[in-house]
């Protein structure tokens, strides 16, 4: 069974009307208990209990009042992250854990609680012997004339490694790039030497579609050095300079594959 699928519930025919009444009453009491204890579900949700916010001081959430998160099956985490950034989303946080079969609805429940717009879920088979591997053990025992116990015959439930990232849509950006500050690698002979960035400016890791940066021709991998000759050495400085020139035409000084480049943009 695919771990994102909700496990099927066995159907048992009631032996009498009293059994049927007992099952109905038990179900009603369970619903009442859940209604009285609203936090029980969250505590039992591994996506909630293993959630880590990307930035504890930044309460990022959907721009919608009551968002209904959209959930997708992720493929390659790094590439998916870039695509989300390019489409105007920012990472709120992630959940990472190992467990048996977990209902996908629990990822959605947590997404609603933190007001996420999109959720990417990744699954990978973890530990636990499969039925096929158990069959090999049985065949080998038969060949050697060994006695098997019930434990040997039992199939160990498989575990899955789960990872879910939660994203919120950002307001329309002024410039529209995500950047990082690159630093040089240390060498054996200069461990005691102070290290600075191997080049000025910041590296563009994603360009938001439809943004001023994309329209001006900025590409992923460019090194942004300055805006209107005002140096940009980190993300905070970039944000400050961009706000300063809000609504104005600016010139971006960049470096692309080692060559200087100037592009005009309208913020």
Protein backbone atom coordinates (compact mmCIF):
# COMPACT_ATOMS: atom_id res chain seq x y z
CA UNK A 1 0.00 0.00 0.00
CA UNK A 2 1.27 3.44 -0.90
CA UNK A 3 1.99 5.31 2.35
CA UNK A 4 0.06 8.38 1.26
CA UNK A 5 -3.08 6.32 0.80
CA UNK A 6 -5.43 6.02 3.73
CA UNK A 7 -5.27 2.41 4.94
CA UNK A 8 -8.51 0.53 4.29
CA UNK A 9 -10.59 -0.36 7.27
CA UNK A 10 -11.62 -4.05 7.64
CA UNK A 11 -15.34 -4.61 7.33
CA UNK A 12 -16.91 -6.99 9.86
CA UNK A 13 -20.54 -8.06 9.70
CA UNK A 14 -22.24 -7.57 13.10
CA UNK A 15 -23.44 -10.79 14.64
CA UNK A 16 -26.53 -9.15 16.15
CA UNK A 17 -28.43 -5.89 16.54
CA UNK A 18 -26.83 -5.41 19.97
CA UNK A 19 -23.36 -5.57 18.42
CA UNK A 20 -24.41 -3.07 15.78
CA UNK A 21 -25.77 -0.75 18.49
CA UNK A 22 -22.54 -1.14 20.52
CA UNK A 23 -20.37 -0.21 17.51
CA UNK A 24 -22.50 2.86 16.81
CA UNK A 25 -22.33 3.97 20.47
CA UNK A 26 -18.54 3.47 20.58
CA UNK A 27 -18.14 5.56 17.43
CA UNK A 28 -20.34 8.31 18.89
CA UNK A 29 -18.35 8.38 22.13
CA UNK A 30 -15.10 8.58 20.20
CA UNK A 31 -16.36 11.58 18.21
CA UNK A 32 -17.48 13.24 21.44
CA UNK A 33 -14.06 12.69 23.01
CA UNK A 34 -12.35 14.26 20.03
CA UNK A 35 -14.69 17.22 20.19
CA UNK A 36 -13.90 17.74 23.87
CA UNK A 37 -10.12 17.36 23.33
CA UNK A 38 -9.26 19.45 20.25
CA UNK A 39 -5.50 19.21 20.89
CA UNK A 40 -5.37 15.41 20.90
CA UNK A 41 -5.32 15.20 17.13
CA UNK A 42 -2.45 17.68 16.77
CA UNK A 43 -0.38 15.87 19.40
CA UNK A 44 -0.81 12.58 17.54
CA UNK A 45 0.05 14.12 14.18
CA UNK A 46 3.73 13.43 13.31
CA UNK A 47 3.73 16.29 10.79
CA UNK A 48 2.88 18.64 13.68
CA UNK A 49 5.12 17.13 16.36
CA UNK A 50 8.17 17.07 14.05
CA UNK A 51 7.60 20.49 12.48
CA UNK A 52 10.51 22.95 12.43
CA UNK A 53 9.91 26.55 11.40
CA UNK A 54 12.38 27.96 8.90
CA UNK A 55 12.77 31.14 10.92
CA UNK A 56 11.34 31.28 14.44
CA UNK A 57 11.22 35.08 14.39
CA UNK A 58 9.44 35.26 11.06
CA UNK A 59 5.75 34.35 11.32
CA UNK A 60 5.25 33.68 7.62
CA UNK A 61 1.80 32.50 6.60
CA UNK A 62 -0.66 32.63 3.71
CA UNK A 63 -2.05 35.95 2.53
CA UNK A 64 -5.50 34.34 2.53
CA UNK A 65 -7.69 34.45 5.62
CA UNK A 66 -8.57 30.74 5.57
CA UNK A 67 -6.29 29.02 3.05
CA UNK A 68 -6.93 25.48 1.86
CA UNK A 69 -3.41 24.08 1.25
CA UNK A 70 -2.65 22.28 -1.97
CA UNK A 71 -0.53 19.15 -1.51
CA UNK A 72 1.91 17.75 -4.07
CA UNK A 73 4.24 14.77 -4.20
CA UNK A 74 7.81 16.07 -4.31
CA UNK A 75 10.51 14.60 -6.56
CA UNK A 76 13.91 16.25 -6.09
CA UNK A 77 13.95 18.45 -3.01
CA UNK A 78 16.58 21.00 -4.12
CA UNK A 79 15.05 21.48 -7.57
CA UNK A 80 11.54 21.65 -6.12
CA UNK A 81 12.66 24.35 -3.67
CA UNK A 82 14.00 26.50 -6.52
CA UNK A 83 10.78 26.10 -8.48
CA UNK A 84 8.73 27.15 -5.46
CA UNK A 85 10.90 30.24 -4.97
CA UNK A 86 10.63 31.10 -8.67
CA UNK A 87 6.85 30.85 -8.45
CA UNK A 88 6.72 33.43 -5.66
CA UNK A 89 6.54 31.20 -2.57
CA UNK A 90 8.75 31.19 0.52
CA UNK A 91 9.54 28.30 2.84
CA UNK A 92 7.66 28.37 6.14
CA UNK A 93 9.21 25.22 7.61
CA UNK A 94 9.38 21.45 7.28
CA UNK A 95 8.57 18.16 9.00
CA UNK A 96 10.95 15.18 8.93
CA UNK A 97 10.37 11.80 10.60
CA UNK A 98 10.31 8.04 10.11
CA UNK A 99 7.14 6.03 10.71
CA UNK A 100 4.85 3.38 9.32
CA UNK A 101 1.92 4.29 7.09
CA UNK A 102 0.81 7.87 7.78
CA UNK A 103 -2.36 9.32 6.32
CA UNK A 104 -1.72 12.23 3.95
CA UNK A 105 -4.65 14.06 5.56
CA UNK A 106 -2.41 14.69 8.57
CA UNK A 107 0.00 16.75 6.44
CA UNK A 108 -2.98 18.80 5.24
CA UNK A 109 -4.26 19.23 8.80
CA UNK A 110 -0.94 20.70 9.89
CA UNK A 111 -0.82 22.86 6.77
CA UNK A 112 -4.19 24.36 7.69
CA UNK A 113 -3.06 24.98 11.27
CA UNK A 114 0.00 26.99 10.19
CA UNK A 115 -1.88 28.62 7.26
CA UNK A 116 0.26 27.26 4.44
CA UNK A 117 -0.64 27.60 0.77
CA UNK A 118 1.28 24.61 -0.62
CA UNK A 119 2.74 21.42 0.82
CA UNK A 120 5.36 19.18 -0.80
CA UNK A 121 5.53 15.65 0.61
CA UNK A 122 8.44 13.24 0.06
CA UNK A 123 8.52 9.55 1.00
CA UNK A 124 11.28 6.98 0.91
CA UNK A 125 11.19 3.35 2.00
CA UNK A 126 12.94 2.96 5.33
CA UNK A 127 13.75 -0.03 7.53
CA UNK A 128 11.72 -3.18 8.02
CA UNK A 129 11.84 -6.54 6.28
CA UNK A 130 9.54 -6.91 3.28
CA UNK A 131 7.45 -10.04 2.52
CA UNK A 132 9.91 -10.87 -0.27
CA UNK A 133 12.90 -10.83 2.08
CA UNK A 134 11.00 -12.99 4.59
CA UNK A 135 10.33 -15.54 1.84
CA UNK A 136 14.06 -15.79 1.18
CA UNK A 137 14.64 -16.55 4.88
CA UNK A 138 11.98 -19.28 4.77
CA UNK A 139 13.45 -20.85 1.60
CA UNK A 140 16.92 -20.88 3.12
CA UNK A 141 15.60 -22.52 6.31
CA UNK A 142 13.81 -25.23 4.29
CA UNK A 143 17.02 -26.05 2.41
CA UNK A 144 18.95 -26.43 5.66
CA UNK A 145 16.16 -28.31 7.45
CA UNK A 146 15.88 -25.65 10.13
CA UNK A 147 12.80 -25.11 12.31
CA UNK A 148 10.99 -21.80 11.97
CA UNK A 149 9.11 -19.99 14.73
CA UNK A 150 6.08 -17.73 14.43
CA UNK A 151 8.45 -14.77 14.79
CA UNK A 152 10.42 -16.00 11.78
CA UNK A 153 7.24 -16.27 9.74
CA UNK A 154 5.91 -12.83 10.67
CA UNK A 155 6.42 -9.90 8.33
CA UNK A 156 7.92 -6.81 9.96
CA UNK A 157 5.91 -3.69 9.07
CA UNK A 158 7.92 -1.43 6.80
CA UNK A 159 8.79 2.14 7.75
CA UNK A 160 8.93 5.20 5.53
CA UNK A 161 11.03 8.31 5.78
CA UNK A 162 8.74 11.32 5.46
CA UNK A 163 9.68 14.89 4.65
CA UNK A 164 7.16 17.66 4.06
CA UNK A 165 7.90 21.30 3.25
CA UNK A 166 5.32 24.04 3.82
CA UNK A 167 5.13 27.16 1.64
CA UNK A 168 3.35 30.51 1.70
CA UNK A 169 2.73 32.81 -1.26
CA UNK A 170 4.58 36.13 -0.95
CA UNK A 171 3.18 39.58 -1.86
CA UNK A 172 4.30 40.85 -5.30
CA UNK A 173 8.04 41.67 -4.94
CA UNK A 174 9.75 44.94 -5.83
CA UNK A 175 12.79 43.30 -7.46
CA UNK A 176 12.04 39.58 -7.24
CA UNK A 177 15.19 37.59 -6.47
CA UNK A 178 16.33 35.21 -3.75
CA UNK A 179 20.02 35.46 -2.88
CA UNK A 180 22.74 33.92 -0.71
CA UNK A 181 26.15 35.13 0.42
CA UNK A 182 29.00 32.90 -0.74
CA UNK A 183 32.11 32.37 1.39
CA UNK A 184 35.39 30.72 0.37
CA UNK A 185 36.49 27.27 1.49
CA UNK A 186 39.24 27.06 4.09
CA UNK A 187 42.61 25.66 3.09
CA UNK A 188 45.04 23.77 5.33
CA UNK A 189 47.64 26.55 5.41
CA UNK A 190 45.39 29.49 6.27
CA UNK A 191 43.15 28.15 9.04
CA UNK A 192 44.09 31.09 11.27
CA UNK A 193 43.46 33.70 8.57
CA UNK A 194 40.18 35.67 8.62
CA UNK A 195 37.96 34.70 5.68
CA UNK A 196 35.80 36.93 3.54
CA UNK A 197 33.55 36.24 0.58
CA UNK A 198 35.32 35.00 -2.52
CA UNK A 199 33.64 37.80 -4.48
CA UNK A 200 31.62 40.90 -3.73
CA UNK A 201 27.85 41.00 -3.76
CA UNK A 202 25.35 38.16 -3.43
CA UNK A 203 24.58 35.12 -5.57
CA UNK A 204 21.13 34.91 -7.19
CA UNK A 205 19.65 31.45 -6.45
CA UNK A 206 16.15 32.09 -7.84
CA UNK A 207 14.38 34.71 -9.96
CA UNK A 208 10.64 35.08 -9.37
CA UNK A 209 8.57 34.70 -12.53
CA UNK A 210 7.03 37.94 -13.77
CA UNK A 211 9.17 40.08 -11.47
CA UNK A 212 11.16 43.21 -12.31
CA UNK A 213 14.34 41.14 -12.08
CA UNK A 214 13.12 38.59 -14.63
CA UNK A 215 11.90 41.32 -16.98
CA UNK A 216 15.30 43.04 -16.79
CA UNK A 217 17.13 39.82 -17.68
CA UNK A 218 18.59 38.69 -14.33
CA UNK A 219 19.39 34.96 -14.34
CA UNK A 220 19.88 32.37 -11.67
CA UNK A 221 23.59 32.16 -10.88
CA UNK A 222 24.29 35.87 -11.49
CA UNK A 223 26.35 37.72 -8.89
CA UNK A 224 24.57 40.96 -7.92
CA UNK A 225 27.20 43.53 -6.89
CA UNK A 226 25.27 46.79 -6.51
CA UNK A 227 22.15 48.75 -7.37
CA UNK A 228 22.73 52.27 -8.71
CA UNK A 229 26.34 51.76 -7.53
CA UNK A 230 25.21 51.15 -3.93
CA UNK A 231 26.91 47.94 -2.79
CA UNK A 232 24.82 44.93 -1.90
CA UNK A 233 26.72 42.58 0.40
CA UNK A 234 23.89 40.56 1.98
CA UNK A 235 20.14 39.94 1.81
CA UNK A 236 19.32 42.58 4.42
CA UNK A 237 21.27 45.25 2.55
CA UNK A 238 19.62 44.23 -0.71
CA UNK A 239 16.16 44.63 0.85
CA UNK A 240 17.08 48.07 2.21
CA UNK A 241 18.41 49.37 -1.11
CA UNK A 242 15.42 48.01 -3.05
CA UNK A 243 12.97 49.73 -0.68
CA UNK A 244 14.91 52.98 -1.09
CA UNK A 245 14.33 52.94 -4.87
CA UNK A 246 10.73 51.68 -4.77
CA UNK A 247 8.86 52.85 -7.90
CA UNK A 248 12.02 54.09 -9.60
CA UNK A 249 14.21 52.93 -12.48
CA UNK A 250 17.55 51.49 -11.35
CA UNK A 251 20.66 49.97 -12.86
CA UNK A 252 21.79 46.59 -11.57
CA UNK A 253 25.53 45.96 -11.60
CA UNK A 254 26.15 42.21 -11.88
CA UNK A 255 28.74 39.64 -12.80
CA UNK A 256 27.80 36.72 -15.05
CA UNK A 257 30.29 33.92 -15.58
CA UNK A 258 33.10 36.25 -14.56
CA UNK A 259 32.06 39.07 -16.92
CA UNK A 260 30.64 42.44 -15.74
CA UNK A 261 27.06 43.20 -16.74
CA UNK A 262 24.68 46.15 -16.24
CA UNK A 263 20.90 45.76 -16.51
CA UNK A 264 18.13 48.33 -16.18
CA UNK A 265 15.10 47.50 -14.01
CA UNK A 266 11.91 49.28 -12.97
CA UNK A 267 11.08 48.69 -9.32
